C-alpha atoms as a PDB file:
ATOM      1  CA  MET A   1       5.356 -22.126 -10.489  1.00  0.00           C
ATOM      2  CA  SER A   2       8.235 -20.544  -8.759  1.00  0.00           C
ATOM      3  CA  ASP A   3       7.382 -17.233  -9.080  1.00  0.00           C
ATOM      4  CA  PHE A   4       4.561 -17.154  -7.159  1.00  0.00           C
ATOM      5  CA  LEU A   5       5.698 -18.820  -4.249  1.00  0.00           C
ATOM      6  CA  LEU A   6       6.249 -16.780  -1.048  1.00  0.00           C
ATOM      7  CA  SER A   7       9.344 -18.788  -0.287  1.00  0.00           C
ATOM      8  CA  GLN A   8      10.931 -17.512  -3.102  1.00  0.00           C
ATOM      9  CA  TYR A   9      11.171 -13.963  -2.341  1.00  0.00           C
ATOM     10  CA  ASP A  10      13.354 -14.086   0.580  1.00  0.00           C
ATOM     11  CA  PHE A  11      16.705 -13.232   1.233  1.00  0.00           C
ATOM     12  CA  ASN A  12      19.419 -13.073   3.884  1.00  0.00           C
ATOM     13  CA  LEU A  13      20.155  -9.265   5.294  1.00  0.00           C
ATOM     14  CA  PRO A  14      22.508  -8.196   7.423  1.00  0.00           C
ATOM     15  CA  GLU A  15      20.428  -6.366  10.006  1.00  0.00           C
ATOM     16  CA  GLU A  16      23.730  -3.571  10.121  1.00  0.00           C
ATOM     17  CA  LEU A  17      22.022  -2.834   6.614  1.00  0.00           C
ATOM     18  CA  VAL A  18      18.922  -2.112   7.797  1.00  0.00           C
ATOM     19  CA  ALA A  19      18.920   2.184   8.042  1.00  0.00           C
ATOM     20  CA  GLN A  20      17.827   3.750  10.997  1.00  0.00           C
ATOM     21  CA  ARG A  21      18.109   7.322   9.866  1.00  0.00           C
ATOM     22  CA  PRO A  22      18.405   8.919   6.746  1.00  0.00           C
ATOM     23  CA  VAL A  23      21.703  10.160   5.407  1.00  0.00           C
ATOM     24  CA  GLU A  24      22.246  13.597   5.252  1.00  0.00           C
ATOM     25  CA  PRO A  25      21.632  15.500   2.859  1.00  0.00           C
ATOM     26  CA  ARG A  26      18.905  13.700   1.964  1.00  0.00           C
ATOM     27  CA  ASP A  27      20.065  13.343  -1.923  1.00  0.00           C
ATOM     28  CA  HIS A  28      23.291  11.885  -1.147  1.00  0.00           C
ATOM     29  CA  SER A  29      21.717   8.526  -0.427  1.00  0.00           C
ATOM     30  CA  ARG A  30      23.080   5.846  -2.747  1.00  0.00           C
ATOM     31  CA  LEU A  31      21.769   4.747  -5.913  1.00  0.00           C
ATOM     32  CA  LEU A  32      21.920   1.517  -7.957  1.00  0.00           C
ATOM     33  CA  VAL A  33      20.652   1.949 -11.537  1.00  0.00           C
ATOM     34  CA  TYR A  34      19.290  -1.004 -13.604  1.00  0.00           C
ATOM     35  CA  LYS A  35      19.042  -0.823 -17.500  1.00  0.00           C
ATOM     36  CA  ARG A  36      16.844  -3.566 -18.545  1.00  0.00           C
ATOM     37  CA  LYS A  37      17.474  -3.739 -21.940  1.00  0.00           C
ATOM     38  CA  SER A  38      21.734  -4.075 -21.545  1.00  0.00           C
ATOM     39  CA  ASP A  39      21.512  -6.099 -18.061  1.00  0.00           C
ATOM     40  CA  GLN A  40      23.738  -3.086 -16.890  1.00  0.00           C
ATOM     41  CA  VAL A  41      24.296  -2.125 -13.587  1.00  0.00           C
ATOM     42  CA  ILE A  42      25.846   0.889 -11.941  1.00  0.00           C
ATOM     43  CA  HIS A  43      26.701   2.431  -8.889  1.00  0.00           C
ATOM     44  CA  ASP A  44      26.035   5.548  -7.900  1.00  0.00           C
ATOM     45  CA  HIS A  45      24.792   8.606  -5.858  1.00  0.00           C
ATOM     46  CA  PHE A  46      21.134   9.580  -6.073  1.00  0.00           C
ATOM     47  CA  PHE A  47      22.550  13.282  -6.677  1.00  0.00           C
ATOM     48  CA  ASN A  48      23.453  11.934 -10.034  1.00  0.00           C
ATOM     49  CA  LEU A  49      19.611  10.750 -10.970  1.00  0.00           C
ATOM     50  CA  PRO A  50      19.514  13.504 -13.843  1.00  0.00           C
ATOM     51  CA  LYS A  51      21.986  12.293 -15.849  1.00  0.00           C
ATOM     52  CA  TYR A  52      19.651   9.261 -16.237  1.00  0.00           C
ATOM     53  CA  LEU A  53      16.883  10.861 -17.518  1.00  0.00           C
ATOM     54  CA  ASP A  54      15.445  13.247 -20.192  1.00  0.00           C
ATOM     55  CA  SER A  55      13.884  15.912 -21.504  1.00  0.00           C
ATOM     56  CA  GLU A  56      10.729  13.239 -22.499  1.00  0.00           C
ATOM     57  CA  THR A  57      10.432  11.759 -19.132  1.00  0.00           C
ATOM     58  CA  SER A  58       7.644  12.101 -16.870  1.00  0.00           C
ATOM     59  CA  LEU A  59       8.215  11.468 -13.367  1.00  0.00           C
ATOM     60  CA  VAL A  60       5.035  10.609 -11.410  1.00  0.00           C
ATOM     61  CA  PHE A  61       5.549  11.374  -7.616  1.00  0.00           C
ATOM     62  CA  ASN A  62       2.847  10.427  -4.831  1.00  0.00           C
ATOM     63  CA  ASN A  63       2.641  13.893  -3.370  1.00  0.00           C
ATOM     64  CA  THR A  64       0.759  11.890   0.214  1.00  0.00           C
ATOM     65  CA  LYS A  65       1.441  13.339   3.525  1.00  0.00           C
ATOM     66  CA  VAL A  66       1.815  11.348   6.457  1.00  0.00           C
ATOM     67  CA  PHE A  67      -0.071  12.475   9.625  1.00  0.00           C
ATOM     68  CA  PRO A  68       0.792  11.044  13.367  1.00  0.00           C
ATOM     69  CA  CYS A  69      -1.491   8.317  13.677  1.00  0.00           C
ATOM     70  CA  ARG A  70       0.309   6.058  16.738  1.00  0.00           C
ATOM     71  CA  LEU A  71      -1.611   6.845  19.729  1.00  0.00           C
ATOM     72  CA  LEU A  72      -0.514   5.521  23.273  1.00  0.00           C
ATOM     73  CA  GLY A  73      -2.391   5.346  25.596  1.00  0.00           C
ATOM     74  CA  LYS A  74      -4.495   2.682  28.387  1.00  0.00           C
ATOM     75  CA  LYS A  75      -7.288   0.169  28.518  1.00  0.00           C
ATOM     76  CA  SER A  76     -10.115   1.276  31.168  1.00  0.00           C
ATOM     77  CA  THR A  77      -8.432  -1.410  33.548  1.00  0.00           C
ATOM     78  CA  GLY A  78      -4.959   0.688  33.398  1.00  0.00           C
ATOM     79  CA  GLY A  79      -3.034  -1.570  30.897  1.00  0.00           C
ATOM     80  CA  LYS A  80      -1.161  -0.588  28.512  1.00  0.00           C
ATOM     81  CA  ALA A  81      -2.603  -0.216  24.759  1.00  0.00           C
ATOM     82  CA  GLU A  82      -1.365   1.105  21.788  1.00  0.00           C
ATOM     83  CA  VAL A  83      -3.992   2.313  18.487  1.00  0.00           C
ATOM     84  CA  PHE A  84      -2.855   2.777  15.625  1.00  0.00           C
ATOM     85  CA  LEU A  85      -5.006   4.838  13.239  1.00  0.00           C
ATOM     86  CA  LEU A  86      -5.450   3.921   9.353  1.00  0.00           C
ATOM     87  CA  GLU A  87      -7.467   6.575   8.447  1.00  0.00           C
ATOM     88  CA  ARG A  88      -7.309  10.617   9.358  1.00  0.00           C
ATOM     89  CA  SER A  89     -11.137  11.554   9.089  1.00  0.00           C
ATOM     90  CA  ALA A  90     -14.320   9.369  10.462  1.00  0.00           C
ATOM     91  CA  ASN A  91     -16.616   8.193   7.741  1.00  0.00           C
ATOM     92  CA  GLU A  92     -20.456   8.944   7.695  1.00  0.00           C
ATOM     93  CA  ARG A  93     -20.980   6.891  10.406  1.00  0.00           C
ATOM     94  CA  GLY A  94     -18.303   8.621  12.732  1.00  0.00           C
ATOM     95  CA  VAL A  95     -16.133   5.994  13.413  1.00  0.00           C
ATOM     96  CA  LEU A  96     -12.415   5.658  11.923  1.00  0.00           C
ATOM     97  CA  LYS A  97     -10.183   1.909  11.010  1.00  0.00           C
ATOM     98  CA  ALA A  98      -7.924   1.179  13.110  1.00  0.00           C
ATOM     99  CA  LEU A  99      -5.200  -1.194  14.731  1.00  0.00           C
ATOM    100  CA  ILE A 100      -5.250  -1.854  18.485  1.00  0.00           C
ATOM    101  CA  LYS A 101      -1.927  -3.644  20.478  1.00  0.00           C
ATOM    102  CA  THR A 102      -2.969  -4.620  24.026  1.00  0.00           C
ATOM    103  CA  SER A 103      -3.104  -7.866  25.843  1.00  0.00           C
ATOM    104  CA  GLY A 104      -6.022 -10.216  25.872  1.00  0.00           C
ATOM    105  CA  LYS A 105      -9.134 -10.367  23.676  1.00  0.00           C
ATOM    106  CA  LYS A 106     -10.639  -7.446  22.440  1.00  0.00           C
ATOM    107  CA  LYS A 107     -14.651  -6.802  21.981  1.00  0.00           C
ATOM    108  CA  VAL A 108     -17.121  -4.072  21.116  1.00  0.00           C
ATOM    109  CA  ALA A 109     -17.058  -1.258  23.858  1.00  0.00           C
ATOM    110  CA  ASP A 110     -13.939  -1.788  25.150  1.00  0.00           C
ATOM    111  CA  THR A 111     -12.614   1.899  25.893  1.00  0.00           C
ATOM    112  CA  PHE A 112      -9.390   3.479  25.362  1.00  0.00           C
ATOM    113  CA  HIS A 113      -8.338   6.540  27.413  1.00  0.00           C
ATOM    114  CA  PHE A 114      -5.641   9.018  26.260  1.00  0.00           C
ATOM    115  CA  GLU A 115      -4.242  12.107  26.870  1.00  0.00           C
ATOM    116  CA  ASN A 116      -5.718  15.440  26.973  1.00  0.00           C
ATOM    117  CA  ASP A 117      -9.130  12.916  28.114  1.00  0.00           C
ATOM    118  CA  ALA A 118      -9.965  11.630  24.838  1.00  0.00           C
ATOM    119  CA  VAL A 119     -11.749   8.248  24.931  1.00  0.00           C
ATOM    120  CA  ALA A 120     -11.747   5.493  22.001  1.00  0.00           C
ATOM    121  CA  ALA A 121     -14.471   3.187  22.039  1.00  0.00           C
ATOM    122  CA  ILE A 122     -14.422  -0.245  19.965  1.00  0.00           C
ATOM    123  CA  GLU A 123     -17.558   0.169  17.731  1.00  0.00           C
ATOM    124  CA  GLU A 124     -17.217  -3.146  15.772  1.00  0.00           C
ATOM    125  CA  LEU A 125     -14.666  -5.281  14.756  1.00  0.00           C
ATOM    126  CA  GLY A 126     -13.593  -5.499  11.410  1.00  0.00           C
ATOM    127  CA  GLU A 127     -11.456  -8.161   9.054  1.00  0.00           C
ATOM    128  CA  ASP A 128      -8.275  -9.008   9.242  1.00  0.00           C
ATOM    129  CA  GLY A 129      -7.540  -7.397  13.135  1.00  0.00           C
ATOM    130  CA  ILE A 130      -9.031  -4.316  11.877  1.00  0.00           C
ATOM    131  CA  PHE A 131     -11.230  -2.171  14.733  1.00  0.00           C
ATOM    132  CA  PHE A 132     -13.694   0.551  14.233  1.00  0.00           C
ATOM    133  CA  LEU A 133     -13.655   3.235  16.655  1.00  0.00           C
ATOM    134  CA  ARG A 134     -15.655   6.367  18.036  1.00  0.00           C
ATOM    135  CA  PHE A 135     -13.844   8.992  19.461  1.00  0.00           C
ATOM    136  CA  LYS A 136     -14.895  11.115  22.188  1.00  0.00           C
ATOM    137  CA  GLY A 137     -13.300  14.564  23.336  1.00  0.00           C
ATOM    138  CA  ASP A 138     -11.244  16.602  21.344  1.00  0.00           C
ATOM    139  CA  PHE A 139      -9.427  14.515  18.846  1.00  0.00           C
ATOM    140  CA  GLU A 140      -7.638  17.424  16.510  1.00  0.00           C
ATOM    141  CA  GLN A 141      -5.658  18.291  19.457  1.00  0.00           C
ATOM    142  CA  LEU A 142      -5.051  14.822  20.313  1.00  0.00           C
ATOM    143  CA  ILE A 143      -3.808  13.859  16.820  1.00  0.00           C
ATOM    144  CA  GLU A 144      -1.902  17.431  16.579  1.00  0.00           C
ATOM    145  CA  LYS A 145      -0.314  17.435  20.138  1.00  0.00           C
ATOM    146  CA  TYR A 146       0.220  14.051  21.223  1.00  0.00           C
ATOM    147  CA  ALA A 147       0.401  11.446  18.467  1.00  0.00           C
ATOM    148  CA  LYS A 148       3.746   9.596  16.877  1.00  0.00           C
ATOM    149  CA  ILE A 149       4.820   9.594  13.155  1.00  0.00           C
ATOM    150  CA  PRO A 150       4.495   6.393  12.539  1.00  0.00           C
ATOM    151  CA  ILE A 151       7.969   4.461  11.410  1.00  0.00           C
ATOM    152  CA  PRO A 152       8.027   0.809  10.961  1.00  0.00           C
ATOM    153  CA  PRO A 153       9.114  -1.237  13.812  1.00  0.00           C
ATOM    154  CA  TYR A 154      12.553  -2.185  11.789  1.00  0.00           C
ATOM    155  CA  ILE A 155      13.375   1.181  12.618  1.00  0.00           C
ATOM    156  CA  ARG A 156      14.383   1.839  16.412  1.00  0.00           C
ATOM    157  CA  GLY A 157      11.709  -0.556  17.427  1.00  0.00           C
ATOM    158  CA  GLY A 158       9.102   1.639  15.930  1.00  0.00           C
ATOM    159  CA  VAL A 159       9.417   4.578  18.415  1.00  0.00           C
ATOM    160  CA  SER A 160       9.885   8.261  16.715  1.00  0.00           C
ATOM    161  CA  ASP A 161      11.070  11.215  17.911  1.00  0.00           C
ATOM    162  CA  ASP A 162      11.003  14.472  16.785  1.00  0.00           C
ATOM    163  CA  LEU A 163      13.417  14.457  13.990  1.00  0.00           C
ATOM    164  CA  ASP A 164      11.309  11.829  12.311  1.00  0.00           C
ATOM    165  CA  LYS A 165       8.560  14.424  11.832  1.00  0.00           C
ATOM    166  CA  GLU A 166      11.045  15.918   9.114  1.00  0.00           C
ATOM    167  CA  ASP A 167      12.786  13.426   7.919  1.00  0.00           C
ATOM    168  CA  TYR A 168       9.394  10.665   7.698  1.00  0.00           C
ATOM    169  CA  GLN A 169       7.934  13.027   5.108  1.00  0.00           C
ATOM    170  CA  THR A 170       9.003  14.031   1.411  1.00  0.00           C
ATOM    171  CA  TYR A 171       9.889  17.381   0.167  1.00  0.00           C
ATOM    172  CA  PHE A 172       7.009  17.343  -1.916  1.00  0.00           C
ATOM    173  CA  ALA A 173       4.052  16.401   0.259  1.00  0.00           C
ATOM    174  CA  GLU A 174       1.084  18.183   0.795  1.00  0.00           C
ATOM    175  CA  LYS A 175      -2.452  16.307   0.785  1.00  0.00           C
ATOM    176  CA  THR A 176      -2.583  14.503   4.066  1.00  0.00           C
ATOM    177  CA  GLY A 177      -3.727  10.672   4.939  1.00  0.00           C
ATOM    178  CA  SER A 178      -1.114   8.387   4.722  1.00  0.00           C
ATOM    179  CA  VAL A 179       0.426   5.872   7.461  1.00  0.00           C
ATOM    180  CA  ALA A 180       3.143   5.395   6.339  1.00  0.00           C
ATOM    181  CA  ALA A 181       5.666   7.175   3.717  1.00  0.00           C
ATOM    182  CA  PRO A 182       6.426   7.203  -0.099  1.00  0.00           C
ATOM    183  CA  THR A 183       9.715   6.517   0.744  1.00  0.00           C
ATOM    184  CA  ALA A 184      11.043   6.819  -2.799  1.00  0.00           C
ATOM    185  CA  GLY A 185      10.459  10.277  -2.487  1.00  0.00           C
ATOM    186  CA  LEU A 186      12.053  10.465   0.665  1.00  0.00           C
ATOM    187  CA  HIS A 187      15.723  10.696  -1.558  1.00  0.00           C
ATOM    188  CA  PHE A 188      14.553  14.496  -3.579  1.00  0.00           C
ATOM    189  CA  SER A 189      15.760  17.465  -2.492  1.00  0.00           C
ATOM    190  CA  GLU A 190      15.179  20.730  -3.509  1.00  0.00           C
ATOM    191  CA  ARG A 191      18.263  21.006  -5.223  1.00  0.00           C
ATOM    192  CA  THR A 192      17.136  17.649  -6.765  1.00  0.00           C
ATOM    193  CA  PHE A 193      13.466  19.502  -8.278  1.00  0.00           C
ATOM    194  CA  ARG A 194      15.909  22.307  -9.550  1.00  0.00           C
ATOM    195  CA  GLU A 195      18.069  20.218 -11.716  1.00  0.00           C
ATOM    196  CA  LEU A 196      15.239  17.957 -12.382  1.00  0.00           C
ATOM    197  CA  THR A 197      13.347  21.043 -13.985  1.00  0.00           C
ATOM    198  CA  ASP A 198      16.009  22.696 -15.689  1.00  0.00           C
ATOM    199  CA  LEU A 199      16.528  19.297 -17.327  1.00  0.00           C
ATOM    200  CA  GLY A 200      13.435  19.535 -18.618  1.00  0.00           C
ATOM    201  CA  VAL A 201      12.124  16.562 -16.942  1.00  0.00           C
ATOM    202  CA  VAL A 202       8.406  16.883 -15.907  1.00  0.00           C
ATOM    203  CA  GLN A 203       7.601  16.315 -12.834  1.00  0.00           C
ATOM    204  CA  ASN A 204       3.863  15.300 -12.342  1.00  0.00           C
ATOM    205  CA  TYR A 205       1.437  13.731  -8.419  1.00  0.00           C
ATOM    206  CA  VAL A 206      -1.018  11.261  -7.966  1.00  0.00           C
ATOM    207  CA  THR A 207      -2.618  10.732  -4.533  1.00  0.00           C
ATOM    208  CA  LEU A 208      -2.639   7.893  -2.965  1.00  0.00           C
ATOM    209  CA  HIS A 209      -2.839   7.637   0.727  1.00  0.00           C
ATOM    210  CA  VAL A 210      -1.150   4.704   2.194  1.00  0.00           C
ATOM    211  CA  GLY A 211      -2.607   2.350   4.246  1.00  0.00           C
ATOM    212  CA  LEU A 212      -3.139  -1.674   5.553  1.00  0.00           C
ATOM    213  CA  GLY A 213      -2.874  -2.824   1.819  1.00  0.00           C
ATOM    214  CA  THR A 214       0.835  -1.542   1.115  1.00  0.00           C
ATOM    215  CA  PHE A 215       2.767  -3.311   4.228  1.00  0.00           C
ATOM    216  CA  ALA A 216       0.222  -6.138   5.090  1.00  0.00           C
ATOM    217  CA  PRO A 217       2.109  -9.238   4.900  1.00  0.00           C
ATOM    218  CA  VAL A 218       1.686 -11.861   2.752  1.00  0.00           C
ATOM    219  CA  LYS A 219       0.146 -14.951   4.381  1.00  0.00           C
ATOM    220  CA  VAL A 220      -0.271 -17.250   1.756  1.00  0.00           C
ATOM    221  CA  ASP A 221       2.105 -19.834   0.478  1.00  0.00           C
ATOM    222  CA  ASP A 222       1.017 -19.196  -3.446  1.00  0.00           C
ATOM    223  CA  ILE A 223       1.202 -14.956  -4.004  1.00  0.00           C
ATOM    224  CA  ARG A 224      -1.722 -15.111  -6.341  1.00  0.00           C
ATOM    225  CA  GLU A 225      -3.879 -16.162  -3.394  1.00  0.00           C
ATOM    226  CA  HIS A 226      -3.190 -13.087  -1.499  1.00  0.00           C
ATOM    227  CA  ARG A 227      -5.790 -10.345  -1.206  1.00  0.00           C
ATOM    228  CA  MET A 228      -4.973  -6.580  -1.242  1.00  0.00           C
ATOM    229  CA  HIS A 229      -6.465  -4.624   1.207  1.00  0.00           C
ATOM    230  CA  GLU A 230      -8.228  -1.022  -0.585  1.00  0.00           C
ATOM    231  CA  GLU A 231      -6.450   2.408  -0.969  1.00  0.00           C
ATOM    232  CA  ASP A 232      -7.927   5.519  -1.744  1.00  0.00           C
ATOM    233  CA  TYR A 233      -6.093   7.544  -4.615  1.00  0.00           C
ATOM    234  CA  ILE A 234      -7.009  10.747  -6.600  1.00  0.00           C
ATOM    235  CA  ILE A 235      -5.511  12.505  -9.518  1.00  0.00           C
ATOM    236  CA  THR A 236      -6.473  15.964 -11.114  1.00  0.00           C
ATOM    237  CA  LYS A 237      -7.568  16.573 -15.224  1.00  0.00           C
ATOM    238  CA  ASP A 238      -4.236  18.590 -15.236  1.00  0.00           C
ATOM    239  CA  GLN A 239      -2.229  15.664 -13.967  1.00  0.00           C
ATOM    240  CA  LEU A 240      -3.735  12.835 -15.974  1.00  0.00           C
ATOM    241  CA  GLN A 241      -3.536  14.500 -18.792  1.00  0.00           C
ATOM    242  CA  GLN A 242      -0.308  15.180 -18.740  1.00  0.00           C
ATOM    243  CA  ILE A 243       0.853  11.787 -17.415  1.00  0.00           C
ATOM    244  CA  LYS A 244      -0.865  10.236 -20.343  1.00  0.00           C
ATOM    245  CA  ASN A 245       0.788  12.262 -22.952  1.00  0.00           C
ATOM    246  CA  SER A 246       4.288  12.134 -21.860  1.00  0.00           C
ATOM    247  CA  ARG A 247       6.728  10.048 -24.134  1.00  0.00           C
ATOM    248  CA  LYS A 248       8.666   7.865 -20.707  1.00  0.00           C
ATOM    249  CA  ARG A 249       6.719   7.537 -17.845  1.00  0.00           C
ATOM    250  CA  ILE A 250       9.202   6.841 -14.311  1.00  0.00           C
ATOM    251  CA  ALA A 251       6.907   6.307 -10.989  1.00  0.00           C
ATOM    252  CA  VAL A 252       8.655   7.778  -8.055  1.00  0.00           C
ATOM    253  CA  GLY A 253       7.560   4.740  -5.978  1.00  0.00           C
ATOM    254  CA  THR A 254       5.029   1.590  -5.562  1.00  0.00           C
ATOM    255  CA  THR A 255       2.762   3.657  -4.835  1.00  0.00           C
ATOM    256  CA  SER A 256       2.874   6.015  -7.843  1.00  0.00           C
ATOM    257  CA  LEU A 257       2.979   2.830 -10.076  1.00  0.00           C
ATOM    258  CA  ARG A 258      -0.151   0.946  -8.528  1.00  0.00           C
ATOM    259  CA  THR A 259      -1.867   4.208  -8.843  1.00  0.00           C
ATOM    260  CA  LEU A 260      -1.178   4.253 -12.665  1.00  0.00           C
ATOM    261  CA  GLU A 261      -1.895   0.806 -13.275  1.00  0.00           C
ATOM    262  CA  SER A 262      -5.055   0.880 -11.630  1.00  0.00           C
ATOM    263  CA  ILE A 263      -6.186   3.585 -13.888  1.00  0.00           C
ATOM    264  CA  TRP A 264      -4.355   2.095 -16.640  1.00  0.00           C
ATOM    265  CA  ARG A 265      -6.209  -1.094 -16.411  1.00  0.00           C
ATOM    266  CA  SER A 266      -9.940   0.370 -15.397  1.00  0.00           C
ATOM    267  CA  LYS A 267     -12.727  -1.125 -17.942  1.00  0.00           C
ATOM    268  CA  GLU A 268     -13.693   2.400 -17.544  1.00  0.00           C
ATOM    269  CA  GLU A 269     -12.038   5.625 -18.042  1.00  0.00           C
ATOM    270  CA  TYR A 270     -10.916   7.502 -14.916  1.00  0.00           C
ATOM    271  CA  GLU A 271     -12.764  10.390 -14.060  1.00  0.00           C
ATOM    272  CA  ALA A 272     -10.427  13.097 -13.370  1.00  0.00           C
ATOM    273  CA  ASN A 273     -10.567  14.334  -9.655  1.00  0.00           C
ATOM    274  CA  GLN A 274     -12.596  11.944  -8.205  1.00  0.00           C
ATOM    275  CA  LEU A 275     -11.856   9.808  -5.511  1.00  0.00           C
ATOM    276  CA  GLN A 276     -11.289   6.102  -5.939  1.00  0.00           C
ATOM    277  CA  SER A 277     -10.100   3.104  -4.420  1.00  0.00           C
ATOM    278  CA  THR A 278      -7.646   0.296  -5.401  1.00  0.00           C
ATOM    279  CA  SER A 279      -6.265  -2.902  -4.062  1.00  0.00           C
ATOM    280  CA  ILE A 280      -4.180  -3.908  -7.568  1.00  0.00           C
ATOM    281  CA  PHE A 281      -1.288  -6.466  -6.531  1.00  0.00           C
ATOM    282  CA  LEU A 282       1.734  -6.170  -9.166  1.00  0.00           C
ATOM    283  CA  HIS A 283       3.793  -8.993  -9.440  1.00  0.00           C
ATOM    284  CA  PRO A 284       5.154 -11.793 -11.875  1.00  0.00           C
ATOM    285  CA  GLY A 285       3.092 -12.299 -14.300  1.00  0.00           C
ATOM    286  CA  VAL A 286       1.241  -9.371 -14.534  1.00  0.00           C
ATOM    287  CA  GLU A 287       2.664  -6.882 -17.651  1.00  0.00           C
ATOM    288  CA  ILE A 288       3.232  -3.326 -16.361  1.00  0.00           C
ATOM    289  CA  LYS A 289       1.225  -1.333 -18.532  1.00  0.00           C
ATOM    290  CA  SER A 290       1.797   2.303 -17.502  1.00  0.00           C
ATOM    291  CA  VAL A 291       5.255   3.220 -16.962  1.00  0.00           C
ATOM    292  CA  SER A 292       9.115   2.146 -18.570  1.00  0.00           C
ATOM    293  CA  GLY A 293      10.699   2.763 -15.566  1.00  0.00           C
ATOM    294  CA  LEU A 294      10.570   2.838 -11.306  1.00  0.00           C
ATOM    295  CA  LEU A 295      12.545   4.686  -8.761  1.00  0.00           C
ATOM    296  CA  THR A 296      11.961   2.979  -5.407  1.00  0.00           C
ATOM    297  CA  ASN A 297      13.946   1.766  -2.707  1.00  0.00           C
ATOM    298  CA  PHE A 298      14.577  -1.749  -1.253  1.00  0.00           C
ATOM    299  CA  HIS A 299      12.422  -3.809   0.461  1.00  0.00           C
ATOM    300  CA  LEU A 300      11.490  -6.607   2.812  1.00  0.00           C
ATOM    301  CA  PRO A 301      11.659  -9.936   2.354  1.00  0.00           C
ATOM    302  CA  LYS A 302       8.302 -11.752   0.837  1.00  0.00           C
ATOM    303  CA  SER A 303       7.098  -8.520   0.798  1.00  0.00           C
ATOM    304  CA  THR A 304       4.357  -7.002  -2.127  1.00  0.00           C
ATOM    305  CA  LEU A 305       6.338  -4.282  -2.446  1.00  0.00           C
ATOM    306  CA  LEU A 306       9.227  -6.785  -3.406  1.00  0.00           C
ATOM    307  CA  MET A 307       7.249  -8.928  -5.711  1.00  0.00           C
ATOM    308  CA  LEU A 308       6.147  -5.146  -7.315  1.00  0.00           C
ATOM    309  CA  VAL A 309       9.472  -4.612  -8.178  1.00  0.00           C
ATOM    310  CA  ALA A 310      10.143  -8.185  -9.519  1.00  0.00           C
ATOM    311  CA  ALA A 311       7.293  -8.010 -12.387  1.00  0.00           C
ATOM    312  CA  LEU A 312       9.579  -5.054 -14.016  1.00  0.00           C
ATOM    313  CA  THR A 313      13.040  -6.963 -13.542  1.00  0.00           C
ATOM    314  CA  GLY A 314      11.631 -10.827 -12.941  1.00  0.00           C
ATOM    315  CA  ARG A 315      12.668 -12.529  -9.487  1.00  0.00           C
ATOM    316  CA  GLU A 316      15.260 -13.978  -9.892  1.00  0.00           C
ATOM    317  CA  LYS A 317      17.150 -10.801 -11.607  1.00  0.00           C
ATOM    318  CA  LEU A 318      15.997  -8.721  -8.306  1.00  0.00           C
ATOM    319  CA  LEU A 319      17.314 -11.195  -6.442  1.00  0.00           C
ATOM    320  CA  GLU A 320      20.473 -10.795  -7.725  1.00  0.00           C
ATOM    321  CA  LEU A 321      20.422  -7.269  -7.617  1.00  0.00           C
ATOM    322  CA  TYR A 322      19.530  -7.385  -3.857  1.00  0.00           C
ATOM    323  CA  GLU A 323      22.295  -9.616  -3.666  1.00  0.00           C
ATOM    324  CA  GLU A 324      24.738  -6.938  -5.137  1.00  0.00           C
ATOM    325  CA  ALA A 325      23.329  -4.468  -3.133  1.00  0.00           C
ATOM    326  CA  ILE A 326      23.998  -5.808   0.051  1.00  0.00           C
ATOM    327  CA  LYS A 327      27.732  -6.918  -0.865  1.00  0.00           C
ATOM    328  CA  GLU A 328      28.104  -3.078  -1.993  1.00  0.00           C
ATOM    329  CA  GLN A 329      26.697  -2.427   1.281  1.00  0.00           C
ATOM    330  CA  TYR A 330      23.419  -0.563   0.213  1.00  0.00           C
ATOM    331  CA  ARG A 331      21.364   0.488   3.620  1.00  0.00           C
ATOM    332  CA  PHE A 332      17.493  -0.852   3.277  1.00  0.00           C
ATOM    333  CA  PHE A 333      14.122  -0.235   3.771  1.00  0.00           C
ATOM    334  CA  SER A 334      12.154   3.296   4.294  1.00  0.00           C
ATOM    335  CA  TYR A 335      15.778   5.726   5.706  1.00  0.00           C
ATOM    336  CA  GLY A 336      17.751   3.393   3.476  1.00  0.00           C
ATOM    337  CA  ASP A 337      19.225   3.312   0.039  1.00  0.00           C
ATOM    338  CA  ALA A 338      17.497   3.623  -3.642  1.00  0.00           C
ATOM    339  CA  MET A 339      17.139   1.820  -6.889  1.00  0.00           C
ATOM    340  CA  LEU A 340      16.536   3.323 -10.825  1.00  0.00           C
ATOM    341  CA  ILE A 341      15.073   0.638 -12.997  1.00  0.00           C
ATOM    342  CA  ILE A 342      14.772   1.858 -17.041  1.00  0.00           C
ATOM    343  CA  ASP A 343      15.565   0.556 -20.148  1.00  0.00           C
END
């Protein structure tokens, strides 16, 4: 039962181990390797990743691209307002999902004013603090010129700068639509890709646009009662076939793993090139079927990401590994170091 209690996924992390900037160059972050079958732990650096892989391995990346989605503006009364867009494009009704941070209660028809004379109005109240906004004015220019990169609040209070425009984006980012980076991919560089290719490691791609589901907090005592928000994903026919044909699959990041598990568990065969949505929640007690390994960062206490990794290692073992990472002064969270879990 303890594997299902939220309180059992807590740990104490010294504040100084929360990475505020990535290491330079990005492939010089540290790498904790955990071999499950031998229960072996190895401390290394990310640029040595190829030595733990072989030509039978397929690395599955999420090639989503973060878009500037944090808008700072004002309420019609003059008070401060922060709008955090959860999607890049409006739906068929012309509205976008967003989170809104202001003082006071928010209601339908409230308006928010931004640079470039853009205005957003609340058209509908959603669940879990989500609002549906309709924008007037030059929305594209508003996003491209004035919106901020959405770094998490534990990185410099969530205030991004010009460095984050490059740092908080993977080397292989291609498909725009995420409000958070698939951070396991931040460690890869052109050199890493070249060495992996020379080794014969296949690089495959899925696209899952990271949204509220990935970082929404768990608010129930029994984690099995937590419900994930839906996130969209898509895979090309060619990439899907290559992934299925590979002998060893290692997911690069939790979003890649959630995409693969959603396909593997689908009652109907996934139709390639079709946008689908998933709300899959992986945690101990849920068998991982699609991969034999995972490359990931070190995650927040009590987070769904921590629980997902525990599905591969077991909760007690994962917390033991985290305790060792803290002892060895690994850097945590989005700009932190990496962990490789393999058989």
